Structure formats: structure tokens, C-alpha cells
């Protein structure tokens, strides 16, 4: 988590804590219509003094505007935090993106040319196959996608080339 996010969470914690812990005896509470019946509620937002009956309509509309700005700002920040969390969850649960079966087959044949399953797994074990776009377990990965044919086809078979419009070409 970056320093900016810590500061953001600290700010929201202080803001919400301040709103919840203000004493009722303090002057300057913004009250909603009909809240006079809930005098025992001490959890109100302090912004301006609008409880004075001598205040004119201008100060009441000004305080209502300020209350709306604070509520709009908080709802925007809450929505932003929810989107960030949803994106983080999506990212952490998503599977890695790999090349298609044909592209992976071409890359393996062109760069390493293993002739057997054992040679392929030796490449993986020795750390030679370090690209994240090629599956280290192609039989399992492409089998789940329904693309797997066989080890002989994957390592030795002809590759279809999109440049030649699907005609067979041997990479060597």
C-alpha cells in the first residue's frame, strides 16, 4: 500500500471519528428536518451554527450546502475505495495470460526445439523457460482450454502460420 493510500485512510478515519464523537452540547450542529425529536442523539456533524432560531434563511441554506458537499465528498471517496478493492480482488483472482496453443508451439519449437516431454521439463527445471507467456505445464493449461492435442504435436508437429493463411509451415 502506498503512502498516499495510508494518508487517505488516515484522513477518512479521522473524519468519520470526528463525526461520530462530537458531543451534543457543542454549538453548531447541522440537523436534518425532524431531528429535534431525537435530542438524545449525540452523533451529529458539526459544521456551522444553525440551531440558533435568530439565524436567517441564508445561513440555513449555506449550512445545507456545506452538508451536501461533505456528504457528496464522502460518498465519492467510498465509491472510489469500493472500486479499488473490486479491481484488486479481480486482479488477484485472475489467471495469468498465456500465448495461444499455436503461438506457444511455434515459440517452443523455434527457440528450444525439445523433442520429448522430458526435455521440455528439463528446460523448465533448469530455468531456461523464464517467459511468463509460455505455460510451464502446457498439457494441463491447454487441456483445460480444450486445445491440447499431444506432446508429439506440441513439440514436433507442424505449426499453422497466420501469415500464410493457415497453411502448414515447419519452424526450424
Protein backbone atom coordinates (compact mmCIF):
# COMPACT_ATOMS: atom_id res chain seq x y z
CA UNK A 1 0.00 0.00 0.00
CA UNK A 2 1.46 3.38 -0.94
CA UNK A 3 1.98 6.29 1.42
CA UNK A 4 -0.81 8.20 -0.31
CA UNK A 5 -3.29 5.45 0.45
CA UNK A 6 -2.21 5.40 4.11
CA UNK A 7 -2.77 9.14 4.30
CA UNK A 8 -6.14 8.76 2.57
CA UNK A 9 -7.27 6.06 5.05
CA UNK A 10 -5.97 8.11 7.99
CA UNK A 11 -7.91 11.15 6.75
CA UNK A 12 -11.14 9.16 6.37
CA UNK A 13 -10.67 7.55 9.80
CA UNK A 14 -10.18 10.95 11.43
CA UNK A 15 -13.13 12.45 9.57
CA UNK A 16 -15.53 9.65 10.45
CA UNK A 17 -14.22 9.51 14.04
CA UNK A 18 -14.76 13.23 14.42
CA UNK A 19 -18.29 12.98 13.09
CA UNK A 20 -19.17 10.16 15.49
CA UNK A 21 -17.55 11.50 18.66
CA UNK A 22 -18.69 15.12 18.71
CA UNK A 23 -20.55 15.96 21.93
CA UNK A 24 -24.15 17.10 21.66
CA UNK A 25 -23.51 20.14 23.85
CA UNK A 26 -21.25 21.72 21.23
CA UNK A 27 -22.73 24.54 19.29
CA UNK A 28 -23.02 24.36 15.55
CA UNK A 29 -24.72 21.12 14.63
CA UNK A 30 -26.27 20.57 11.27
CA UNK A 31 -29.53 18.85 11.82
CA UNK A 32 -31.90 17.30 9.36
CA UNK A 33 -35.60 18.21 9.36
CA UNK A 34 -37.40 16.43 12.16
CA UNK A 35 -34.24 15.78 14.13
CA UNK A 36 -35.47 17.91 17.02
CA UNK A 37 -37.37 14.84 18.19
CA UNK A 38 -34.06 12.98 18.55
CA UNK A 39 -32.38 15.29 21.05
CA UNK A 40 -30.62 12.38 22.77
CA UNK A 41 -28.61 11.54 19.65
CA UNK A 42 -25.09 12.88 20.17
CA UNK A 43 -23.71 11.71 16.82
CA UNK A 44 -24.18 14.71 14.56
CA UNK A 45 -21.97 16.59 12.14
CA UNK A 46 -20.58 19.91 13.33
CA UNK A 47 -20.24 22.43 10.54
CA UNK A 48 -21.97 25.76 11.28
CA UNK A 49 -24.22 27.05 14.00
CA UNK A 50 -27.68 26.73 12.55
CA UNK A 51 -29.51 25.82 15.74
CA UNK A 52 -29.96 29.46 16.66
CA UNK A 53 -33.56 30.46 15.86
CA UNK A 54 -32.41 34.02 15.13
CA UNK A 55 -30.46 32.91 12.04
CA UNK A 56 -31.96 33.85 8.72
CA UNK A 57 -32.67 31.55 5.77
CA UNK A 58 -29.33 32.38 4.08
CA UNK A 59 -27.27 30.73 6.81
CA UNK A 60 -29.53 27.68 6.79
CA UNK A 61 -29.20 27.21 3.04
CA UNK A 62 -25.45 27.82 3.34
CA UNK A 63 -25.13 25.15 6.02
CA UNK A 64 -27.29 22.74 3.98
CA UNK A 65 -24.99 23.31 1.00
CA UNK A 66 -21.93 22.63 3.14
CA UNK A 67 -23.53 19.46 4.48
CA UNK A 68 -24.29 18.29 0.94
CA UNK A 69 -20.71 18.97 -0.14
CA UNK A 70 -19.34 16.91 2.75
CA UNK A 71 -21.77 14.05 2.06
CA UNK A 72 -21.02 14.16 -1.68
CA UNK A 73 -17.28 14.11 -0.98
CA UNK A 74 -17.59 11.16 1.41
CA UNK A 75 -19.81 9.19 -0.96
CA UNK A 76 -17.32 9.80 -3.79
CA UNK A 77 -14.44 8.58 -1.63
CA UNK A 78 -16.39 5.50 -0.52
CA UNK A 79 -17.28 4.67 -4.13
CA UNK A 80 -13.63 5.09 -5.15
CA UNK A 81 -12.45 2.81 -2.32
CA UNK A 82 -15.00 0.16 -3.35
CA UNK A 83 -13.83 0.29 -6.97
CA UNK A 84 -10.18 -0.01 -5.90
CA UNK A 85 -10.97 -3.05 -3.75
CA UNK A 86 -13.01 -4.69 -6.52
CA UNK A 87 -10.18 -4.15 -9.01
CA UNK A 88 -7.61 -5.56 -6.58
CA UNK A 89 -9.78 -8.64 -5.98
CA UNK A 90 -10.27 -9.14 -9.74
CA UNK A 91 -6.52 -8.81 -10.35
CA UNK A 92 -5.56 -11.24 -7.58
CA UNK A 93 -8.07 -13.88 -8.65
CA UNK A 94 -7.46 -13.65 -12.41
CA UNK A 95 -5.41 -16.31 -14.13
CA UNK A 96 -2.22 -15.33 -15.95
CA UNK A 97 -2.46 -14.63 -19.67
CA UNK A 98 -0.58 -17.14 -21.81
CA UNK A 99 0.01 -17.41 -25.54
CA UNK A 100 -2.40 -19.49 -27.58
CA UNK A 101 -1.57 -23.13 -28.25
CA UNK A 102 -0.32 -22.40 -31.78
CA UNK A 103 1.82 -19.42 -30.74
CA UNK A 104 3.27 -21.31 -27.79
CA UNK A 105 4.01 -24.30 -30.03
CA UNK A 106 5.84 -22.05 -32.52
CA UNK A 107 7.84 -20.33 -29.79
CA UNK A 108 8.95 -23.57 -28.17
CA UNK A 109 9.91 -25.17 -31.49
CA UNK A 110 11.73 -22.07 -32.73
CA UNK A 111 13.68 -21.24 -29.56
CA UNK A 112 14.40 -24.54 -27.82
CA UNK A 113 13.25 -27.41 -30.06
CA UNK A 114 12.84 -30.07 -27.36
CA UNK A 115 11.95 -33.47 -28.83
CA UNK A 116 10.30 -35.07 -25.80
CA UNK A 117 8.24 -34.29 -22.73
CA UNK A 118 11.30 -34.97 -20.54
CA UNK A 119 13.46 -32.47 -22.45
CA UNK A 120 10.72 -29.85 -22.09
CA UNK A 121 10.53 -30.38 -18.32
CA UNK A 122 14.35 -30.23 -18.14
CA UNK A 123 14.17 -26.79 -19.73
CA UNK A 124 11.64 -25.73 -17.11
CA UNK A 125 13.64 -27.24 -14.22
CA UNK A 126 16.89 -25.60 -15.36
CA UNK A 127 15.21 -22.20 -15.52
CA UNK A 128 15.64 -21.81 -19.27
CA UNK A 129 11.93 -21.30 -19.86
CA UNK A 130 11.55 -18.00 -17.99
CA UNK A 131 8.87 -16.25 -20.02
CA UNK A 132 5.53 -15.78 -18.28
CA UNK A 133 3.66 -16.16 -21.57
CA UNK A 134 4.55 -19.82 -22.08
CA UNK A 135 2.95 -22.33 -19.74
CA UNK A 136 5.35 -24.44 -17.70
CA UNK A 137 2.70 -27.19 -17.74
CA UNK A 138 1.25 -26.96 -21.25
CA UNK A 139 -0.63 -30.27 -21.10
CA UNK A 140 -2.58 -29.09 -18.06
CA UNK A 141 -3.06 -25.47 -19.20
CA UNK A 142 -4.13 -26.15 -22.79
CA UNK A 143 -6.04 -29.26 -21.70
CA UNK A 144 -8.30 -27.08 -19.51
CA UNK A 145 -8.92 -24.85 -22.53
CA UNK A 146 -9.63 -27.83 -24.78
CA UNK A 147 -6.71 -27.08 -27.13
CA UNK A 148 -4.22 -29.79 -26.14
CA UNK A 149 -3.51 -32.45 -28.77
CA UNK A 150 -0.38 -34.34 -27.68
CA UNK A 151 3.25 -33.86 -26.71
CA UNK A 152 4.41 -35.02 -30.14
CA UNK A 153 2.19 -32.46 -31.82
CA UNK A 154 3.20 -29.68 -29.40
CA UNK A 155 6.94 -30.29 -29.69
CA UNK A 156 7.36 -31.78 -33.15
CA UNK A 157 4.17 -31.10 -35.10
CA UNK A 158 3.65 -28.64 -37.90
CA UNK A 159 2.60 -25.16 -36.85
CA UNK A 160 -0.12 -23.23 -38.58
CA UNK A 161 1.12 -19.82 -39.54
CA UNK A 162 -1.37 -16.96 -39.60
CA UNK A 163 0.86 -15.15 -42.09
CA UNK A 164 0.46 -17.98 -44.61
CA UNK A 165 -3.32 -18.01 -44.04
CA UNK A 166 -3.48 -21.34 -42.23
CA UNK A 167 -1.14 -23.30 -44.49
CA UNK A 168 1.20 -25.64 -42.69
CA UNK A 169 4.77 -24.44 -42.21
CA UNK A 170 7.60 -26.05 -40.28
CA UNK A 171 9.60 -23.80 -37.99
CA UNK A 172 13.26 -24.80 -37.92
